[in-house]
């Protein structure tokens, strides 16, 4: 076999869940609370209803603040309630 046939394949792409939400709390060390809102149809009546859920996400450097729009990705469990990591900043919070 030649060297060309034994070439290593590229690293596989991980299929991780990602969500987009707004930071509502940054009071804890290395952790932010992200509020993710979804708009779904009601099961019986069909009306569009807004549903929301809060996720605790890991912020290693503490660079994200309240009001920032961020993308979070699921990862390994970091603590009892934290298994999401902030991957990127989509929009900086507006100053009032």
C-alpha atoms as a PDB file:
ATOM      1  CA  UNK A   1       0.000   0.000   0.000  1.00  0.00           C
ATOM      2  CA  UNK A   2       1.241   3.434  -0.821  1.00  0.00           C
ATOM      3  CA  UNK A   3       1.158   6.522   1.380  1.00  0.00           C
ATOM      4  CA  UNK A   4      -1.740   8.031  -0.602  1.00  0.00           C
ATOM      5  CA  UNK A   5      -4.044   5.123   0.229  1.00  0.00           C
ATOM      6  CA  UNK A   6      -3.336   5.282   3.982  1.00  0.00           C
ATOM      7  CA  UNK A   7      -4.156   8.990   4.332  1.00  0.00           C
ATOM      8  CA  UNK A   8      -5.980   9.749   7.560  1.00  0.00           C
ATOM      9  CA  UNK A   9      -9.606  10.863   7.169  1.00  0.00           C
ATOM     10  CA  UNK A  10     -10.636  14.335   8.283  1.00  0.00           C
ATOM     11  CA  UNK A  11     -11.925  14.731  11.838  1.00  0.00           C
ATOM     12  CA  UNK A  12     -15.652  13.920  12.045  1.00  0.00           C
ATOM     13  CA  UNK A  13     -18.017  16.829  12.615  1.00  0.00           C
ATOM     14  CA  UNK A  14     -19.901  16.609  15.906  1.00  0.00           C
ATOM     15  CA  UNK A  15     -23.657  16.880  15.709  1.00  0.00           C
ATOM     16  CA  UNK A  16     -24.361  18.956  18.793  1.00  0.00           C
ATOM     17  CA  UNK A  17     -27.590  20.764  19.551  1.00  0.00           C
ATOM     18  CA  UNK A  18     -27.338  24.542  19.420  1.00  0.00           C
ATOM     19  CA  UNK A  19     -29.815  27.122  20.699  1.00  0.00           C
ATOM     20  CA  UNK A  20     -30.010  30.914  20.498  1.00  0.00           C
ATOM     21  CA  UNK A  21     -31.102  32.938  23.504  1.00  0.00           C
ATOM     22  CA  UNK A  22     -30.657  36.074  25.574  1.00  0.00           C
ATOM     23  CA  UNK A  23     -28.634  36.224  28.798  1.00  0.00           C
ATOM     24  CA  UNK A  24     -30.824  37.073  31.795  1.00  0.00           C
ATOM     25  CA  UNK A  25     -28.279  36.541  34.597  1.00  0.00           C
ATOM     26  CA  UNK A  26     -24.484  36.663  34.895  1.00  0.00           C
ATOM     27  CA  UNK A  27     -24.116  36.749  38.685  1.00  0.00           C
ATOM     28  CA  UNK A  28     -22.393  33.391  39.154  1.00  0.00           C
ATOM     29  CA  UNK A  29     -18.746  32.728  38.427  1.00  0.00           C
ATOM     30  CA  UNK A  30     -18.168  31.205  34.952  1.00  0.00           C
ATOM     31  CA  UNK A  31     -21.922  30.669  34.463  1.00  0.00           C
ATOM     32  CA  UNK A  32     -24.627  32.597  32.632  1.00  0.00           C
ATOM     33  CA  UNK A  33     -28.367  31.924  32.521  1.00  0.00           C
ATOM     34  CA  UNK A  34     -29.743  31.979  28.973  1.00  0.00           C
ATOM     35  CA  UNK A  35     -33.455  32.377  28.209  1.00  0.00           C
ATOM     36  CA  UNK A  36     -34.459  30.551  25.019  1.00  0.00           C
ATOM     37  CA  UNK A  37     -37.882  31.376  23.568  1.00  0.00           C
ATOM     38  CA  UNK A  38     -39.766  29.180  21.119  1.00  0.00           C
ATOM     39  CA  UNK A  39     -42.995  29.830  19.230  1.00  0.00           C
ATOM     40  CA  UNK A  40     -45.101  26.706  18.804  1.00  0.00           C
ATOM     41  CA  UNK A  41     -48.676  25.909  17.861  1.00  0.00           C
ATOM     42  CA  UNK A  42     -50.997  24.891  20.714  1.00  0.00           C
ATOM     43  CA  UNK A  43     -51.781  21.165  20.524  1.00  0.00           C
ATOM     44  CA  UNK A  44     -55.581  21.514  20.621  1.00  0.00           C
ATOM     45  CA  UNK A  45     -56.421  25.028  19.459  1.00  0.00           C
ATOM     46  CA  UNK A  46     -53.624  25.710  16.966  1.00  0.00           C
ATOM     47  CA  UNK A  47     -52.889  29.206  18.309  1.00  0.00           C
ATOM     48  CA  UNK A  48     -49.222  30.257  18.219  1.00  0.00           C
ATOM     49  CA  UNK A  49     -47.943  30.298  21.800  1.00  0.00           C
ATOM     50  CA  UNK A  50     -44.581  31.552  23.070  1.00  0.00           C
ATOM     51  CA  UNK A  51     -42.789  29.060  25.305  1.00  0.00           C
ATOM     52  CA  UNK A  52     -39.521  29.740  27.094  1.00  0.00           C
ATOM     53  CA  UNK A  53     -36.907  27.834  29.042  1.00  0.00           C
ATOM     54  CA  UNK A  54     -33.767  28.846  30.935  1.00  0.00           C
ATOM     55  CA  UNK A  55     -30.448  27.057  30.485  1.00  0.00           C
ATOM     56  CA  UNK A  56     -27.304  27.412  32.569  1.00  0.00           C
ATOM     57  CA  UNK A  57     -24.322  27.787  30.230  1.00  0.00           C
ATOM     58  CA  UNK A  58     -20.580  27.788  30.882  1.00  0.00           C
ATOM     59  CA  UNK A  59     -18.736  31.074  30.303  1.00  0.00           C
ATOM     60  CA  UNK A  60     -15.050  30.420  31.064  1.00  0.00           C
ATOM     61  CA  UNK A  61     -13.764  34.007  30.767  1.00  0.00           C
ATOM     62  CA  UNK A  62     -16.832  35.832  32.078  1.00  0.00           C
ATOM     63  CA  UNK A  63     -17.036  37.974  28.941  1.00  0.00           C
ATOM     64  CA  UNK A  64     -20.816  37.820  28.342  1.00  0.00           C
ATOM     65  CA  UNK A  65     -23.196  40.212  30.126  1.00  0.00           C
ATOM     66  CA  UNK A  66     -26.949  40.586  30.721  1.00  0.00           C
ATOM     67  CA  UNK A  67     -28.875  41.307  27.519  1.00  0.00           C
ATOM     68  CA  UNK A  68     -26.372  39.736  25.110  1.00  0.00           C
ATOM     69  CA  UNK A  69     -27.790  37.451  22.415  1.00  0.00           C
ATOM     70  CA  UNK A  70     -25.659  34.290  22.361  1.00  0.00           C
ATOM     71  CA  UNK A  71     -25.527  30.835  20.835  1.00  0.00           C
ATOM     72  CA  UNK A  72     -25.123  27.896  23.210  1.00  0.00           C
ATOM     73  CA  UNK A  73     -24.141  24.324  22.372  1.00  0.00           C
ATOM     74  CA  UNK A  74     -24.750  21.153  24.321  1.00  0.00           C
ATOM     75  CA  UNK A  75     -21.694  19.440  25.762  1.00  0.00           C
ATOM     76  CA  UNK A  76     -20.632  17.147  28.550  1.00  0.00           C
ATOM     77  CA  UNK A  77     -22.084  17.787  32.031  1.00  0.00           C
ATOM     78  CA  UNK A  78     -20.002  20.431  33.824  1.00  0.00           C
ATOM     79  CA  UNK A  79     -22.054  20.500  37.035  1.00  0.00           C
ATOM     80  CA  UNK A  80     -25.430  19.303  38.326  1.00  0.00           C
ATOM     81  CA  UNK A  81     -27.418  21.842  36.282  1.00  0.00           C
ATOM     82  CA  UNK A  82     -24.896  22.962  33.644  1.00  0.00           C
ATOM     83  CA  UNK A  83     -24.274  21.024  30.435  1.00  0.00           C
ATOM     84  CA  UNK A  84     -24.319  23.854  27.857  1.00  0.00           C
ATOM     85  CA  UNK A  85     -21.422  26.055  26.691  1.00  0.00           C
ATOM     86  CA  UNK A  86     -21.627  29.543  25.178  1.00  0.00           C
ATOM     87  CA  UNK A  87     -20.107  29.250  21.701  1.00  0.00           C
ATOM     88  CA  UNK A  88     -20.457  32.735  20.217  1.00  0.00           C
ATOM     89  CA  UNK A  89     -21.837  36.216  20.700  1.00  0.00           C
ATOM     90  CA  UNK A  90     -24.488  37.124  18.133  1.00  0.00           C
ATOM     91  CA  UNK A  91     -25.500  40.590  19.377  1.00  0.00           C
ATOM     92  CA  UNK A  92     -24.149  42.836  22.112  1.00  0.00           C
ATOM     93  CA  UNK A  93     -26.612  44.230  24.664  1.00  0.00           C
ATOM     94  CA  UNK A  94     -27.963  47.706  23.942  1.00  0.00           C
ATOM     95  CA  UNK A  95     -27.142  50.434  26.452  1.00  0.00           C
ATOM     96  CA  UNK A  96     -30.160  52.157  27.963  1.00  0.00           C
END
